[in-house]
């Protein structure tokens, strides 16, 4: 997936995940784990 002039793995599918991926050393597995943890722990009413 392309975005901001970069190419991302197909599993990195949202802007939030792209930001995580860029800031977590381009570690795809860690990005997915952190993204899932954020989604799982988001308070009611928070954007999902």
C-alpha atoms as a PDB file:
ATOM      1  CA  UNK A   1       0.000   0.000   0.000  1.00  0.00           C
ATOM      2  CA  UNK A   2       1.343   3.426  -0.908  1.00  0.00           C
ATOM      3  CA  UNK A   3       1.012   6.561   1.142  1.00  0.00           C
ATOM      4  CA  UNK A   4       2.992   9.692   1.876  1.00  0.00           C
ATOM      5  CA  UNK A   5       5.486   8.671  -0.814  1.00  0.00           C
ATOM      6  CA  UNK A   6       6.224   5.352   0.898  1.00  0.00           C
ATOM      7  CA  UNK A   7       5.268   1.762   0.197  1.00  0.00           C
ATOM      8  CA  UNK A   8       3.729  -0.164   3.098  1.00  0.00           C
ATOM      9  CA  UNK A   9       3.008  -3.859   3.591  1.00  0.00           C
ATOM     10  CA  UNK A  10      -0.586  -4.751   2.675  1.00  0.00           C
ATOM     11  CA  UNK A  11      -1.376  -5.397   6.358  1.00  0.00           C
ATOM     12  CA  UNK A  12      -0.650  -1.739   7.154  1.00  0.00           C
ATOM     13  CA  UNK A  13      -3.996  -0.436   5.960  1.00  0.00           C
ATOM     14  CA  UNK A  14      -4.903   2.722   7.904  1.00  0.00           C
ATOM     15  CA  UNK A  15      -3.273   6.082   8.481  1.00  0.00           C
ATOM     16  CA  UNK A  16      -2.900   5.213  12.160  1.00  0.00           C
ATOM     17  CA  UNK A  17      -1.140   1.965  11.331  1.00  0.00           C
ATOM     18  CA  UNK A  18       1.139   3.788   8.907  1.00  0.00           C
ATOM     19  CA  UNK A  19       2.127   6.210  11.668  1.00  0.00           C
ATOM     20  CA  UNK A  20       2.805   3.325  14.052  1.00  0.00           C
ATOM     21  CA  UNK A  21       4.804   1.471  11.408  1.00  0.00           C
ATOM     22  CA  UNK A  22       6.940   4.525  10.682  1.00  0.00           C
ATOM     23  CA  UNK A  23       7.562   5.135  14.399  1.00  0.00           C
ATOM     24  CA  UNK A  24       8.148   1.517  15.412  1.00  0.00           C
ATOM     25  CA  UNK A  25      11.152   0.962  13.187  1.00  0.00           C
ATOM     26  CA  UNK A  26       9.092  -0.395  10.290  1.00  0.00           C
ATOM     27  CA  UNK A  27       8.360  -3.508  12.372  1.00  0.00           C
ATOM     28  CA  UNK A  28       5.196  -4.944  10.816  1.00  0.00           C
ATOM     29  CA  UNK A  29       4.450  -7.520  13.545  1.00  0.00           C
ATOM     30  CA  UNK A  30       4.892  -4.969  16.342  1.00  0.00           C
ATOM     31  CA  UNK A  31       2.720  -2.457  14.484  1.00  0.00           C
ATOM     32  CA  UNK A  32      -0.118  -4.971  14.245  1.00  0.00           C
ATOM     33  CA  UNK A  33       0.190  -5.922  17.934  1.00  0.00           C
ATOM     34  CA  UNK A  34       0.169  -2.285  19.086  1.00  0.00           C
ATOM     35  CA  UNK A  35      -2.735  -1.431  16.767  1.00  0.00           C
ATOM     36  CA  UNK A  36      -4.772  -4.365  18.102  1.00  0.00           C
ATOM     37  CA  UNK A  37      -4.000  -3.381  21.702  1.00  0.00           C
ATOM     38  CA  UNK A  38      -5.106   0.199  21.077  1.00  0.00           C
ATOM     39  CA  UNK A  39      -8.342  -0.972  19.424  1.00  0.00           C
ATOM     40  CA  UNK A  40      -9.026  -3.488  22.196  1.00  0.00           C
ATOM     41  CA  UNK A  41      -8.504  -0.926  24.967  1.00  0.00           C
ATOM     42  CA  UNK A  42     -10.184   2.094  23.379  1.00  0.00           C
ATOM     43  CA  UNK A  43     -12.806   3.666  25.632  1.00  0.00           C
ATOM     44  CA  UNK A  44     -16.447   3.723  24.503  1.00  0.00           C
ATOM     45  CA  UNK A  45     -17.076   6.571  22.094  1.00  0.00           C
ATOM     46  CA  UNK A  46     -13.459   6.739  20.935  1.00  0.00           C
ATOM     47  CA  UNK A  47     -12.984   6.596  17.174  1.00  0.00           C
ATOM     48  CA  UNK A  48     -12.572   3.077  15.875  1.00  0.00           C
END
